[in-house]
Amino acid sequence: MSSYARYCRDQAAECARRARLARSPEVVERCRRLGLQWLKLAQKAEASGRSSIVFAKQATAAEARPQATA
């Protein structure tokens, strides 16, 4: 997991904590919604990290192939 994805998950956990402590239903809802947004960002960060790893492996494999000479 990237440091950014970890940061997003930590922020989501903090939002969940604040939602549990909140007394106002409006604050609870706002914290829950914000926490879900942080989780979505974490998922996107993880997905983009995986796709960049796959792309890097494909590029490395293409460079390792011997070039045909005429």
PDB file of N, CA and C in Angstrom:
ATOM      1  N   MET A   1       0.852  -1.166   0.000  1.00  0.00           N
ATOM      2  CA  MET A   1       0.000   0.000   0.000  1.00  0.00           C
ATOM      3  C   MET A   1       0.902   1.235   0.000  1.00  0.00           C
ATOM      4  N   SER A   2       0.557   2.175  -0.838  1.00  0.00           N
ATOM      5  CA  SER A   2       1.346   3.401  -0.923  1.00  0.00           C
ATOM      6  C   SER A   2       1.129   4.255   0.320  1.00  0.00           C
ATOM      7  N   SER A   3       2.037   5.173   0.541  1.00  0.00           N
ATOM      8  CA  SER A   3       1.902   6.052   1.696  1.00  0.00           C
ATOM      9  C   SER A   3       0.653   6.925   1.548  1.00  0.00           C
ATOM     10  N   TYR A   4       0.313   7.310   0.321  1.00  0.00           N
ATOM     11  CA  TYR A   4      -0.888   8.118   0.105  1.00  0.00           C
ATOM     12  C   TYR A   4      -2.144   7.317   0.429  1.00  0.00           C
ATOM     13  N   ALA A   5      -2.188   6.063  -0.010  1.00  0.00           N
ATOM     14  CA  ALA A   5      -3.343   5.212   0.289  1.00  0.00           C
ATOM     15  C   ALA A   5      -3.461   5.004   1.797  1.00  0.00           C
ATOM     16  N   ARG A   6      -2.340   4.815   2.459  1.00  0.00           N
ATOM     17  CA  ARG A   6      -2.340   4.654   3.909  1.00  0.00           C
ATOM     18  C   ARG A   6      -2.862   5.924   4.584  1.00  0.00           C
ATOM     19  N   TYR A   7      -2.410   7.072   4.093  1.00  0.00           N
ATOM     20  CA  TYR A   7      -2.876   8.353   4.629  1.00  0.00           C
ATOM     21  C   TYR A   7      -4.396   8.479   4.478  1.00  0.00           C
ATOM     22  N   CYS A   8      -4.924   8.123   3.308  1.00  0.00           N
ATOM     23  CA  CYS A   8      -6.359   8.199   3.070  1.00  0.00           C
ATOM     24  C   CYS A   8      -7.118   7.284   4.024  1.00  0.00           C
ATOM     25  N   ARG A   9      -6.610   6.079   4.225  1.00  0.00           N
ATOM     26  CA  ARG A   9      -7.264   5.150   5.152  1.00  0.00           C
ATOM     27  C   ARG A   9      -7.205   5.676   6.589  1.00  0.00           C
ATOM     28  N   ASP A  10      -6.100   6.287   6.962  1.00  0.00           N
ATOM     29  CA  ASP A  10      -6.001   6.879   8.300  1.00  0.00           C
ATOM     30  C   ASP A  10      -7.019   8.005   8.476  1.00  0.00           C
ATOM     31  N   GLN A  11      -7.192   8.811   7.436  1.00  0.00           N
ATOM     32  CA  GLN A  11      -8.173   9.887   7.496  1.00  0.00           C
ATOM     33  C   GLN A  11      -9.591   9.330   7.610  1.00  0.00           C
ATOM     34  N   ALA A  12      -9.868   8.243   6.901  1.00  0.00           N
ATOM     35  CA  ALA A  12     -11.187   7.603   6.981  1.00  0.00           C
ATOM     36  C   ALA A  12     -11.433   7.080   8.397  1.00  0.00           C
ATOM     37  N   ALA A  13     -10.410   6.501   8.993  1.00  0.00           N
ATOM     38  CA  ALA A  13     -10.544   6.004  10.366  1.00  0.00           C
ATOM     39  C   ALA A  13     -10.800   7.153  11.341  1.00  0.00           C
ATOM     40  N   GLU A  14     -10.133   8.270  11.134  1.00  0.00           N
ATOM     41  CA  GLU A  14     -10.343   9.444  11.981  1.00  0.00           C
ATOM     42  C   GLU A  14     -11.777   9.962  11.823  1.00  0.00           C
ATOM     43  N   CYS A  15     -12.292   9.957  10.609  1.00  0.00           N
ATOM     44  CA  CYS A  15     -13.680  10.379  10.388  1.00  0.00           C
ATOM     45  C   CYS A  15     -14.649   9.440  11.111  1.00  0.00           C
ATOM     46  N   ALA A  16     -14.380   8.152  11.075  1.00  0.00           N
ATOM     47  CA  ALA A  16     -15.238   7.183  11.763  1.00  0.00           C
ATOM     48  C   ALA A  16     -15.199   7.423  13.269  1.00  0.00           C
ATOM     49  N   ARG A  17     -14.029   7.715  13.796  1.00  0.00           N
ATOM     50  CA  ARG A  17     -13.893   8.006  15.222  1.00  0.00           C
ATOM     51  C   ARG A  17     -14.708   9.245  15.585  1.00  0.00           C
ATOM     52  N   ARG A  18     -14.591  10.286  14.778  1.00  0.00           N
ATOM     53  CA  ARG A  18     -15.337  11.515  15.045  1.00  0.00           C
ATOM     54  C   ARG A  18     -16.847  11.295  14.927  1.00  0.00           C
ATOM     55  N   ALA A  19     -17.247  10.442  13.999  1.00  0.00           N
ATOM     56  CA  ALA A  19     -18.678  10.144  13.852  1.00  0.00           C
ATOM     57  C   ALA A  19     -19.204   9.451  15.108  1.00  0.00           C
ATOM     58  N   ARG A  20     -18.397   8.553  15.683  1.00  0.00           N
ATOM     59  CA  ARG A  20     -18.821   7.866  16.912  1.00  0.00           C
ATOM     60  C   ARG A  20     -18.945   8.840  18.086  1.00  0.00           C
ATOM     61  N   LEU A  21     -18.078   9.855  18.115  1.00  0.00           N
ATOM     62  CA  LEU A  21     -18.074  10.805  19.226  1.00  0.00           C
ATOM     63  C   LEU A  21     -19.090  11.937  19.067  1.00  0.00           C
ATOM     64  N   ALA A  22     -19.560  12.142  17.852  1.00  0.00           N
ATOM     65  CA  ALA A  22     -20.439  13.278  17.569  1.00  0.00           C
ATOM     66  C   ALA A  22     -21.793  13.107  18.263  1.00  0.00           C
ATOM     67  N   ARG A  23     -22.334  14.232  18.678  1.00  0.00           N
ATOM     68  CA  ARG A  23     -23.650  14.221  19.327  1.00  0.00           C
ATOM     69  C   ARG A  23     -24.743  14.628  18.346  1.00  0.00           C
ATOM     70  N   SER A  24     -24.387  15.388  17.350  1.00  0.00           N
ATOM     71  CA  SER A  24     -25.364  15.883  16.389  1.00  0.00           C
ATOM     72  C   SER A  24     -25.513  14.898  15.224  1.00  0.00           C
ATOM     73  N   PRO A  25     -26.730  14.567  14.842  1.00  0.00           N
ATOM     74  CA  PRO A  25     -26.930  13.663  13.696  1.00  0.00           C
ATOM     75  C   PRO A  25     -26.339  14.231  12.399  1.00  0.00           C
ATOM     76  N   GLU A  26     -26.361  15.553  12.264  1.00  0.00           N
ATOM     77  CA  GLU A  26     -25.793  16.178  11.068  1.00  0.00           C
ATOM     78  C   GLU A  26     -24.286  15.972  11.005  1.00  0.00           C
ATOM     79  N   VAL A  27     -23.628  16.098  12.154  1.00  0.00           N
ATOM     80  CA  VAL A  27     -22.169  15.902  12.200  1.00  0.00           C
ATOM     81  C   VAL A  27     -21.831  14.443  11.951  1.00  0.00           C
ATOM     82  N   VAL A  28     -22.612  13.542  12.510  1.00  0.00           N
ATOM     83  CA  VAL A  28     -22.399  12.107  12.281  1.00  0.00           C
ATOM     84  C   VAL A  28     -22.477  11.805  10.789  1.00  0.00           C
ATOM     85  N   GLU A  29     -23.517  12.301  10.139  1.00  0.00           N
ATOM     86  CA  GLU A  29     -23.694  12.051   8.704  1.00  0.00           C
ATOM     87  C   GLU A  29     -22.556  12.645   7.895  1.00  0.00           C
ATOM     88  N   ARG A  30     -22.158  13.858   8.248  1.00  0.00           N
ATOM     89  CA  ARG A  30     -21.075  14.521   7.511  1.00  0.00           C
ATOM     90  C   ARG A  30     -19.753  13.758   7.664  1.00  0.00           C
ATOM     91  N   CYS A  31     -19.464  13.292   8.868  1.00  0.00           N
ATOM     92  CA  CYS A  31     -18.234  12.522   9.104  1.00  0.00           C
ATOM     93  C   CYS A  31     -18.261  11.194   8.350  1.00  0.00           C
ATOM     94  N   ARG A  32     -19.402  10.534   8.362  1.00  0.00           N
ATOM     95  CA  ARG A  32     -19.513   9.259   7.637  1.00  0.00           C
ATOM     96  C   ARG A  32     -19.312   9.464   6.140  1.00  0.00           C
ATOM     97  N   ARG A  33     -19.933  10.507   5.608  1.00  0.00           N
ATOM     98  CA  ARG A  33     -19.801  10.794   4.177  1.00  0.00           C
ATOM     99  C   ARG A  33     -18.342  11.118   3.823  1.00  0.00           C
ATOM    100  N   LEU A  34     -17.714  11.932   4.660  1.00  0.00           N
ATOM    101  CA  LEU A  34     -16.315  12.284   4.422  1.00  0.00           C
ATOM    102  C   LEU A  34     -15.416  11.050   4.519  1.00  0.00           C
ATOM    103  N   GLY A  35     -15.713  10.178   5.477  1.00  0.00           N
ATOM    104  CA  GLY A  35     -14.943   8.942   5.619  1.00  0.00           C
ATOM    105  C   GLY A  35     -15.048   8.064   4.386  1.00  0.00           C
ATOM    106  N   LEU A  36     -16.241   7.986   3.816  1.00  0.00           N
ATOM    107  CA  LEU A  36     -16.420   7.198   2.588  1.00  0.00           C
ATOM    108  C   LEU A  36     -15.637   7.799   1.429  1.00  0.00           C
ATOM    109  N   GLN A  37     -15.579   9.124   1.361  1.00  0.00           N
ATOM    110  CA  GLN A  37     -14.791   9.772   0.306  1.00  0.00           C
ATOM    111  C   GLN A  37     -13.311   9.444   0.465  1.00  0.00           C
ATOM    112  N   TRP A  38     -12.824   9.430   1.706  1.00  0.00           N
ATOM    113  CA  TRP A  38     -11.425   9.069   1.939  1.00  0.00           C
ATOM    114  C   TRP A  38     -11.154   7.627   1.523  1.00  0.00           C
ATOM    115  N   LEU A  39     -12.102   6.732   1.809  1.00  0.00           N
ATOM    116  CA  LEU A  39     -11.919   5.328   1.413  1.00  0.00           C
ATOM    117  C   LEU A  39     -11.889   5.177  -0.103  1.00  0.00           C
ATOM    118  N   LYS A  40     -12.723   5.928  -0.799  1.00  0.00           N
ATOM    119  CA  LYS A  40     -12.707   5.883  -2.267  1.00  0.00           C
ATOM    120  C   LYS A  40     -11.365   6.364  -2.801  1.00  0.00           C
ATOM    121  N   LEU A  41     -10.832   7.427  -2.207  1.00  0.00           N
ATOM    122  CA  LEU A  41      -9.517   7.912  -2.627  1.00  0.00           C
ATOM    123  C   LEU A  41      -8.439   6.859  -2.382  1.00  0.00           C
ATOM    124  N   ALA A  42      -8.528   6.174  -1.254  1.00  0.00           N
ATOM    125  CA  ALA A  42      -7.557   5.111  -0.952  1.00  0.00           C
ATOM    126  C   ALA A  42      -7.641   3.996  -1.982  1.00  0.00           C
ATOM    127  N   GLN A  43      -8.858   3.607  -2.356  1.00  0.00           N
ATOM    128  CA  GLN A  43      -9.031   2.557  -3.359  1.00  0.00           C
ATOM    129  C   GLN A  43      -8.462   2.983  -4.709  1.00  0.00           C
ATOM    130  N   LYS A  44      -8.700   4.239  -5.082  1.00  0.00           N
ATOM    131  CA  LYS A  44      -8.150   4.735  -6.344  1.00  0.00           C
ATOM    132  C   LYS A  44      -6.627   4.757  -6.304  1.00  0.00           C
ATOM    133  N   ALA A  45      -6.067   5.151  -5.172  1.00  0.00           N
ATOM    134  CA  ALA A  45      -4.610   5.190  -5.044  1.00  0.00           C
ATOM    135  C   ALA A  45      -4.028   3.783  -5.149  1.00  0.00           C
ATOM    136  N   GLU A  46      -4.680   2.827  -4.518  1.00  0.00           N
ATOM    137  CA  GLU A  46      -4.208   1.444  -4.591  1.00  0.00           C
ATOM    138  C   GLU A  46      -4.332   0.895  -5.999  1.00  0.00           C
ATOM    139  N   ALA A  47      -5.435   1.200  -6.673  1.00  0.00           N
ATOM    140  CA  ALA A  47      -5.644   0.713  -8.040  1.00  0.00           C
ATOM    141  C   ALA A  47      -4.628   1.325  -8.992  1.00  0.00           C
ATOM    142  N   SER A  48      -4.372   2.615  -8.861  1.00  0.00           N
ATOM    143  CA  SER A  48      -3.408   3.252  -9.756  1.00  0.00           C
ATOM    144  C   SER A  48      -2.001   2.753  -9.464  1.00  0.00           C
ATOM    145  N   GLY A  49      -1.725   2.433  -8.219  1.00  0.00           N
ATOM    146  CA  GLY A  49      -0.420   1.872  -7.871  1.00  0.00           C
ATOM    147  C   GLY A  49      -0.214   0.513  -8.502  1.00  0.00           C
ATOM    148  N   ARG A  50      -1.256  -0.304  -8.492  1.00  0.00           N
ATOM    149  CA  ARG A  50      -1.164  -1.639  -9.103  1.00  0.00           C
ATOM    150  C   ARG A  50      -1.020  -1.532 -10.608  1.00  0.00           C
ATOM    151  N   SER A  51      -1.760  -0.613 -11.235  1.00  0.00           N
ATOM    152  CA  SER A  51      -1.685  -0.504 -12.685  1.00  0.00           C
ATOM    153  C   SER A  51      -0.323   0.028 -13.121  1.00  0.00           C
ATOM    154  N   SER A  52       0.282   0.907 -12.329  1.00  0.00           N
ATOM    155  CA  SER A  52       1.606   1.406 -12.704  1.00  0.00           C
ATOM    156  C   SER A  52       2.653   0.312 -12.564  1.00  0.00           C
ATOM    157  N   ILE A  53       2.465  -0.608 -11.608  1.00  0.00           N
ATOM    158  CA  ILE A  53       3.393  -1.731 -11.451  1.00  0.00           C
ATOM    159  C   ILE A  53       3.278  -2.659 -12.656  1.00  0.00           C
ATOM    160  N   VAL A  54       2.057  -2.943 -13.089  1.00  0.00           N
ATOM    161  CA  VAL A  54       1.839  -3.808 -14.255  1.00  0.00           C
ATOM    162  C   VAL A  54       2.456  -3.165 -15.490  1.00  0.00           C
ATOM    163  N   PHE A  55       2.247  -1.859 -15.671  1.00  0.00           N
ATOM    164  CA  PHE A  55       2.803  -1.150 -16.817  1.00  0.00           C
ATOM    165  C   PHE A  55       4.332  -1.200 -16.791  1.00  0.00           C
ATOM    166  N   ALA A  56       4.924  -1.015 -15.619  1.00  0.00           N
ATOM    167  CA  ALA A  56       6.380  -1.048 -15.506  1.00  0.00           C
ATOM    168  C   ALA A  56       6.915  -2.440 -15.843  1.00  0.00           C
ATOM    169  N   LYS A  57       6.219  -3.492 -15.402  1.00  0.00           N
ATOM    170  CA  LYS A  57       6.652  -4.860 -15.715  1.00  0.00           C
ATOM    171  C   LYS A  57       6.566  -5.124 -17.216  1.00  0.00           C
ATOM    172  N   GLN A  58       5.497  -4.629 -17.859  1.00  0.00           N
ATOM    173  CA  GLN A  58       5.337  -4.824 -19.297  1.00  0.00           C
ATOM    174  C   GLN A  58       6.430  -4.077 -20.052  1.00  0.00           C
ATOM    175  N   ALA A  59       6.747  -2.872 -19.627  1.00  0.00           N
ATOM    176  CA  ALA A  59       7.788  -2.088 -20.290  1.00  0.00           C
ATOM    177  C   ALA A  59       9.142  -2.765 -20.131  1.00  0.00           C
ATOM    178  N   THR A  60       9.416  -3.291 -18.958  1.00  0.00           N
ATOM    179  CA  THR A  60      10.682  -3.973 -18.713  1.00  0.00           C
ATOM    180  C   THR A  60      10.786  -5.230 -19.566  1.00  0.00           C
ATOM    181  N   ALA A  61       9.695  -5.969 -19.680  1.00  0.00           N
ATOM    182  CA  ALA A  61       9.687  -7.188 -20.499  1.00  0.00           C
ATOM    183  C   ALA A  61       9.912  -6.845 -21.965  1.00  0.00           C
ATOM    184  N   ALA A  62       9.320  -5.762 -22.435  1.00  0.00           N
ATOM    185  CA  ALA A  62       9.483  -5.360 -23.840  1.00  0.00           C
ATOM    186  C   ALA A  62      10.932  -4.949 -24.103  1.00  0.00           C
ATOM    187  N   GLU A  63      11.561  -4.297 -23.145  1.00  0.00           N
ATOM    188  CA  GLU A  63      12.957  -3.879 -23.322  1.00  0.00           C
ATOM    189  C   GLU A  63      13.894  -5.072 -23.298  1.00  0.00           C
ATOM    190  N   ALA A  64      13.521  -6.130 -22.598  1.00  0.00           N
ATOM    191  CA  ALA A  64      14.383  -7.306 -22.473  1.00  0.00           C
ATOM    192  C   ALA A  64      14.357  -8.184 -23.711  1.00  0.00           C
ATOM    193  N   ARG A  65      13.326  -8.033 -24.546  1.00  0.00           N
ATOM    194  CA  ARG A  65      13.242  -8.859 -25.752  1.00  0.00           C
ATOM    195  C   ARG A  65      14.345  -8.444 -26.733  1.00  0.00           C
ATOM    196  N   PRO A  66      14.995  -9.429 -27.355  1.00  0.00           N
ATOM    197  CA  PRO A  66      16.034  -9.086 -28.352  1.00  0.00           C
ATOM    198  C   PRO A  66      15.389  -8.465 -29.592  1.00  0.00           C
ATOM    199  N   GLN A  67      16.039  -7.487 -30.112  1.00  0.00           N
ATOM    200  CA  GLN A  67      15.544  -6.801 -31.312  1.00  0.00           C
ATOM    201  C   GLN A  67      15.987  -7.586 -32.541  1.00  0.00           C
ATOM    202  N   ALA A  68      15.109  -7.721 -33.513  1.00  0.00           N
ATOM    203  CA  ALA A  68      15.430  -8.402 -34.765  1.00  0.00           C
ATOM    204  C   ALA A  68      16.326  -7.481 -35.603  1.00  0.00           C
ATOM    205  N   THR A  69      17.367  -8.055 -36.150  1.00  0.00           N
ATOM    206  CA  THR A  69      18.268  -7.258 -37.010  1.00  0.00           C
ATOM    207  C   THR A  69      18.038  -7.647 -38.451  1.00  0.00           C
ATOM    208  N   ALA A  70      18.190  -6.707 -39.333  1.00  0.00           N
ATOM    209  CA  ALA A  70      17.936  -6.936 -40.758  1.00  0.00           C
ATOM    210  C   ALA A  70      19.124  -7.536 -41.455  1.00  0.00           C
TER     211      ALA A  70
END
